């Protein structure tokens, strides 16, 4: 079973985009990913109804349904997912509801 953990790297509340470290553990292997998330993108897709951490976790669950953890880029902005998976912005709000 895959375990996803999200750590906030941004220390300034006004920092935009905010930075997070995401680790994915499965059996004895682990991957780490540094991601950014702008306030505007977060608000547009969640309406602020879920935490940034919930949004990022759901985004990684979305990615893991489509590729292995080793295939996920090590550093990226969450908004980039849409470029690779056009259905992302339609699916993710439903995953969060």
Protein backbone atom coordinates (compact mmCIF):
# COMPACT_ATOMS: atom_id res chain seq x y z
CA UNK A 1 0.00 0.00 0.00
CA UNK A 2 1.27 3.45 -0.91
CA UNK A 3 1.58 6.06 1.80
CA UNK A 4 1.64 9.74 0.84
CA UNK A 5 3.01 12.31 3.28
CA UNK A 6 2.99 16.07 2.70
CA UNK A 7 5.30 18.51 4.48
CA UNK A 8 4.99 22.29 4.15
CA UNK A 9 8.33 23.88 3.26
CA UNK A 10 7.06 27.46 3.03
CA UNK A 11 7.44 29.32 6.31
CA UNK A 12 6.01 32.67 5.20
CA UNK A 13 2.19 32.75 4.92
CA UNK A 14 2.51 35.38 2.17
CA UNK A 15 4.84 33.24 0.05
CA UNK A 16 3.28 32.47 -3.33
CA UNK A 17 3.59 29.88 -4.69
CA UNK A 18 3.89 27.78 -1.56
CA UNK A 19 6.39 24.91 -1.49
CA UNK A 20 5.77 21.38 -0.26
CA UNK A 21 7.72 18.15 0.04
CA UNK A 22 5.77 15.01 -0.82
CA UNK A 23 7.06 11.55 0.01
CA UNK A 24 5.54 8.37 -1.34
CA UNK A 25 6.40 5.14 0.48
CA UNK A 26 5.58 1.67 -0.72
CA UNK A 27 7.04 -1.49 0.77
CA UNK A 28 10.75 -0.70 1.23
CA UNK A 29 11.03 2.05 -1.41
CA UNK A 30 10.40 5.76 -1.11
CA UNK A 31 10.38 8.72 -3.51
CA UNK A 32 10.46 12.43 -2.71
CA UNK A 33 8.98 15.26 -4.76
CA UNK A 34 9.16 19.01 -4.24
CA UNK A 35 6.06 20.78 -5.53
CA UNK A 36 4.79 24.32 -5.65
CA UNK A 37 1.18 25.46 -5.51
CA UNK A 38 0.04 29.00 -6.22
CA UNK A 39 -2.74 30.51 -4.14
CA UNK A 40 -4.69 31.33 -7.32
CA UNK A 41 -4.61 27.76 -8.66
CA UNK A 42 -5.49 26.33 -5.25
CA UNK A 43 -8.49 28.66 -4.92
CA UNK A 44 -9.67 28.02 -8.48
CA UNK A 45 -9.77 24.24 -8.08
CA UNK A 46 -10.85 23.94 -4.44
CA UNK A 47 -12.63 27.18 -3.63
CA UNK A 48 -10.62 27.02 -0.40
CA UNK A 49 -12.95 24.29 0.88
CA UNK A 50 -10.15 21.78 1.45
CA UNK A 51 -6.63 22.26 2.80
CA UNK A 52 -3.67 22.66 0.48
CA UNK A 53 -2.33 19.38 1.86
CA UNK A 54 -5.58 17.57 0.99
CA UNK A 55 -5.43 19.05 -2.50
CA UNK A 56 -1.81 17.97 -3.02
CA UNK A 57 -2.52 14.48 -1.64
CA UNK A 58 -5.49 14.10 -4.01
CA UNK A 59 -3.29 15.31 -6.88
CA UNK A 60 -0.69 12.65 -6.11
CA UNK A 61 -3.37 9.98 -5.80
CA UNK A 62 -4.54 11.09 -9.25
CA UNK A 63 -0.99 10.75 -10.60
CA UNK A 64 -0.43 7.36 -8.95
CA UNK A 65 -3.54 6.00 -10.66
CA UNK A 66 -1.82 6.79 -13.97
CA UNK A 67 1.89 6.15 -13.36
CA UNK A 68 4.34 4.65 -10.89
CA UNK A 69 5.83 6.78 -8.13
CA UNK A 70 9.25 6.56 -9.78
CA UNK A 71 7.81 8.15 -12.94
CA UNK A 72 6.55 11.26 -11.14
CA UNK A 73 8.84 14.24 -11.72
CA UNK A 74 11.02 15.17 -8.73
CA UNK A 75 10.17 18.88 -8.80
CA UNK A 76 7.19 20.59 -10.43
CA UNK A 77 4.30 23.00 -10.03
CA UNK A 78 0.95 21.28 -9.38
CA UNK A 79 -0.62 23.23 -12.28
CA UNK A 80 1.69 21.36 -14.68
CA UNK A 81 -0.28 18.13 -14.16
CA UNK A 82 -2.93 19.52 -16.51
CA UNK A 83 -0.39 19.61 -19.38
CA UNK A 84 0.22 15.86 -19.13
CA UNK A 85 -3.26 14.75 -18.09
CA UNK A 86 -5.94 17.01 -19.66
CA UNK A 87 -8.69 15.48 -17.50
CA UNK A 88 -6.96 16.55 -14.26
CA UNK A 89 -8.81 19.84 -13.64
CA UNK A 90 -12.18 18.14 -14.19
CA UNK A 91 -11.42 15.08 -12.03
CA UNK A 92 -9.63 16.63 -9.04
CA UNK A 93 -12.57 18.72 -7.69
CA UNK A 94 -14.72 15.58 -7.72
CA UNK A 95 -12.01 13.63 -5.86
CA UNK A 96 -12.02 16.30 -3.17
CA UNK A 97 -15.79 16.47 -2.65
